Amino acid sequence: MSFLAATVVSRFHPEYAKYLYAFSFIVVLSRVYVGVHFPGDVLAGVIIGIMIGKGMLMVAERKRIFFGTGKFNRYHLDLPDLSKNTLMPEGFLEQHHKHSSYYQP
């Protein structure tokens, strides 16, 4: 699981990839050291985790290209524009909180 997370996160933040994979490797070593997994188990987990992570990224990128939104990277996420107040209509707070002692316009 840690290698899956490291693979996906390092796609969006490549500058942290070596730290993410180092942490994941420490997790793998700790599993073997404590005795809860055999070395073959964790090696298989590493391979499967990286493969699933790469597969998830490939599916996400193909979906983005198929629907015409361009290349999939951290700068092209569909995040709402928080510079505009689109969540509440104009005057909502003033109308609903004019009798509240907590609201100070």
C-alpha atoms as a PDB file:
ATOM      1  CA  MET A   1       0.000   0.000   0.000  1.00  0.00           C
ATOM      2  CA  SER A   2       2.826   2.421   0.746  1.00  0.00           C
ATOM      3  CA  PHE A   3       4.390   1.910  -2.693  1.00  0.00           C
ATOM      4  CA  LEU A   4       1.020   2.491  -4.354  1.00  0.00           C
ATOM      5  CA  ALA A   5       0.668   5.792  -2.506  1.00  0.00           C
ATOM      6  CA  ALA A   6       4.274   6.747  -3.259  1.00  0.00           C
ATOM      7  CA  THR A   7       3.776   6.041  -6.956  1.00  0.00           C
ATOM      8  CA  VAL A   8       0.617   8.135  -7.245  1.00  0.00           C
ATOM      9  CA  VAL A   9       1.814  11.054  -5.113  1.00  0.00           C
ATOM     10  CA  SER A  10       5.226  11.185  -6.799  1.00  0.00           C
ATOM     11  CA  ARG A  11       3.435  11.668 -10.144  1.00  0.00           C
ATOM     12  CA  PHE A  12       2.075  14.994  -8.905  1.00  0.00           C
ATOM     13  CA  HIS A  13       5.059  15.953  -6.741  1.00  0.00           C
ATOM     14  CA  PRO A  14       8.183  14.511  -8.409  1.00  0.00           C
ATOM     15  CA  GLU A  15      10.442  16.557  -6.144  1.00  0.00           C
ATOM     16  CA  TYR A  16       9.371  14.362  -3.195  1.00  0.00           C
ATOM     17  CA  ALA A  17       9.628  11.016  -5.008  1.00  0.00           C
ATOM     18  CA  LYS A  18      12.892   9.922  -3.407  1.00  0.00           C
ATOM     19  CA  TYR A  19      11.539  10.660   0.090  1.00  0.00           C
ATOM     20  CA  LEU A  20       8.253   8.867  -0.584  1.00  0.00           C
ATOM     21  CA  TYR A  21       9.972   5.762  -1.925  1.00  0.00           C
ATOM     22  CA  ALA A  22      12.533   5.833   0.919  1.00  0.00           C
ATOM     23  CA  PHE A  23       9.721   5.947   3.477  1.00  0.00           C
ATOM     24  CA  SER A  24       7.938   3.115   1.680  1.00  0.00           C
ATOM     25  CA  PHE A  25      11.127   1.061   1.707  1.00  0.00           C
ATOM     26  CA  ILE A  26      11.459   1.631   5.477  1.00  0.00           C
ATOM     27  CA  VAL A  27       7.882   0.400   5.901  1.00  0.00           C
ATOM     28  CA  VAL A  28       8.761  -2.732   3.900  1.00  0.00           C
ATOM     29  CA  LEU A  29      11.859  -3.381   6.010  1.00  0.00           C
ATOM     30  CA  SER A  30       9.897  -2.901   9.225  1.00  0.00           C
ATOM     31  CA  ARG A  31       7.298  -5.493   8.146  1.00  0.00           C
ATOM     32  CA  VAL A  32      10.048  -8.067   7.598  1.00  0.00           C
ATOM     33  CA  TYR A  33      11.984  -7.072  10.749  1.00  0.00           C
ATOM     34  CA  VAL A  34       8.947  -7.371  13.010  1.00  0.00           C
ATOM     35  CA  GLY A  35       8.173 -10.746  11.464  1.00  0.00           C
ATOM     36  CA  VAL A  36       4.662 -10.122  10.230  1.00  0.00           C
ATOM     37  CA  HIS A  37       5.638 -10.783   6.569  1.00  0.00           C
ATOM     38  CA  PHE A  38       8.154 -12.867   4.684  1.00  0.00           C
ATOM     39  CA  PRO A  39      10.535 -11.071   2.280  1.00  0.00           C
ATOM     40  CA  GLY A  40       8.732 -12.607  -0.699  1.00  0.00           C
ATOM     41  CA  ASP A  41       5.420 -11.220   0.543  1.00  0.00           C
ATOM     42  CA  VAL A  42       6.684  -7.663   0.733  1.00  0.00           C
ATOM     43  CA  LEU A  43       8.471  -7.942  -2.609  1.00  0.00           C
ATOM     44  CA  ALA A  44       5.215  -9.048  -4.211  1.00  0.00           C
ATOM     45  CA  GLY A  45       3.430  -6.189  -2.440  1.00  0.00           C
ATOM     46  CA  VAL A  46       5.948  -3.682  -3.771  1.00  0.00           C
ATOM     47  CA  ILE A  47       5.530  -4.930  -7.338  1.00  0.00           C
ATOM     48  CA  ILE A  48       1.743  -5.063  -7.108  1.00  0.00           C
ATOM     49  CA  GLY A  49       1.557  -1.627  -5.454  1.00  0.00           C
ATOM     50  CA  ILE A  50       3.669   0.031  -8.133  1.00  0.00           C
ATOM     51  CA  MET A  51       1.735  -1.717 -10.913  1.00  0.00           C
ATOM     52  CA  ILE A  52      -1.649  -0.674  -9.498  1.00  0.00           C
ATOM     53  CA  GLY A  53      -0.431   2.897  -8.976  1.00  0.00           C
ATOM     54  CA  LYS A  54       0.868   3.142 -12.554  1.00  0.00           C
ATOM     55  CA  GLY A  55      -2.377   1.587 -13.801  1.00  0.00           C
ATOM     56  CA  MET A  56      -4.478   4.112 -11.896  1.00  0.00           C
ATOM     57  CA  LEU A  57      -2.471   6.980 -13.380  1.00  0.00           C
ATOM     58  CA  MET A  58      -2.776   5.549 -16.897  1.00  0.00           C
ATOM     59  CA  VAL A  59      -6.558   5.179 -16.574  1.00  0.00           C
ATOM     60  CA  ALA A  60      -6.882   8.694 -15.176  1.00  0.00           C
ATOM     61  CA  GLU A  61      -4.779  10.162 -17.980  1.00  0.00           C
ATOM     62  CA  ARG A  62      -6.683   8.287 -20.688  1.00  0.00           C
ATOM     63  CA  LYS A  63      -9.969   9.448 -19.228  1.00  0.00           C
ATOM     64  CA  ARG A  64      -8.781  13.057 -19.257  1.00  0.00           C
ATOM     65  CA  ILE A  65      -7.533  12.822 -22.846  1.00  0.00           C
ATOM     66  CA  PHE A  66     -10.706  11.001 -23.983  1.00  0.00           C
ATOM     67  CA  PHE A  67     -12.954  13.715 -22.571  1.00  0.00           C
ATOM     68  CA  GLY A  68     -10.780  16.436 -24.085  1.00  0.00           C
ATOM     69  CA  THR A  69      -9.432  18.085 -20.973  1.00  0.00           C
ATOM     70  CA  GLY A  70      -5.774  17.699 -21.966  1.00  0.00           C
ATOM     71  CA  LYS A  71      -2.762  16.289 -20.199  1.00  0.00           C
ATOM     72  CA  PHE A  72      -3.248  15.039 -16.665  1.00  0.00           C
ATOM     73  CA  ASN A  73      -0.925  16.677 -14.177  1.00  0.00           C
ATOM     74  CA  ARG A  74      -1.163  18.611 -10.950  1.00  0.00           C
ATOM     75  CA  TYR A  75      -1.698  21.944 -12.717  1.00  0.00           C
ATOM     76  CA  HIS A  76      -4.797  20.805 -14.613  1.00  0.00           C
ATOM     77  CA  LEU A  77      -7.008  19.629 -11.777  1.00  0.00           C
ATOM     78  CA  ASP A  78     -10.631  20.731 -11.929  1.00  0.00           C
ATOM     79  CA  LEU A  79     -10.725  22.748  -8.747  1.00  0.00           C
ATOM     80  CA  PRO A  80     -13.406  25.339  -8.066  1.00  0.00           C
ATOM     81  CA  ASP A  81     -12.475  29.002  -8.339  1.00  0.00           C
ATOM     82  CA  LEU A  82     -12.491  30.112  -4.716  1.00  0.00           C
ATOM     83  CA  SER A  83     -11.766  33.742  -5.559  1.00  0.00           C
ATOM     84  CA  LYS A  84     -15.484  34.190  -6.285  1.00  0.00           C
ATOM     85  CA  ASN A  85     -18.245  33.465  -3.834  1.00  0.00           C
ATOM     86  CA  THR A  86     -20.306  31.063  -5.920  1.00  0.00           C
ATOM     87  CA  LEU A  87     -21.496  28.950  -3.009  1.00  0.00           C
ATOM     88  CA  MET A  88     -24.014  31.439  -1.601  1.00  0.00           C
ATOM     89  CA  PRO A  89     -26.190  33.989  -3.365  1.00  0.00           C
ATOM     90  CA  GLU A  90     -25.483  37.678  -2.931  1.00  0.00           C
ATOM     91  CA  GLY A  91     -26.736  38.974   0.426  1.00  0.00           C
ATOM     92  CA  PHE A  92     -27.277  35.511   1.945  1.00  0.00           C
ATOM     93  CA  LEU A  93     -25.311  36.167   5.125  1.00  0.00           C
ATOM     94  CA  GLU A  94     -26.822  39.590   5.702  1.00  0.00           C
ATOM     95  CA  GLN A  95     -30.344  38.259   5.235  1.00  0.00           C
ATOM     96  CA  HIS A  96     -30.015  35.197   7.462  1.00  0.00           C
ATOM     97  CA  HIS A  97     -27.789  36.586  10.191  1.00  0.00           C
ATOM     98  CA  LYS A  98     -29.041  40.146  10.667  1.00  0.00           C
ATOM     99  CA  HIS A  99     -30.430  39.287  14.111  1.00  0.00           C
ATOM    100  CA  SER A 100     -27.446  37.232  15.219  1.00  0.00           C
ATOM    101  CA  SER A 101     -25.020  38.676  17.743  1.00  0.00           C
ATOM    102  CA  TYR A 102     -22.187  36.652  16.181  1.00  0.00           C
ATOM    103  CA  TYR A 103     -22.405  38.278  12.771  1.00  0.00           C
ATOM    104  CA  GLN A 104     -20.685  41.653  12.501  1.00  0.00           C
ATOM    105  CA  PRO A 105     -20.843  43.137   8.956  1.00  0.00           C
END
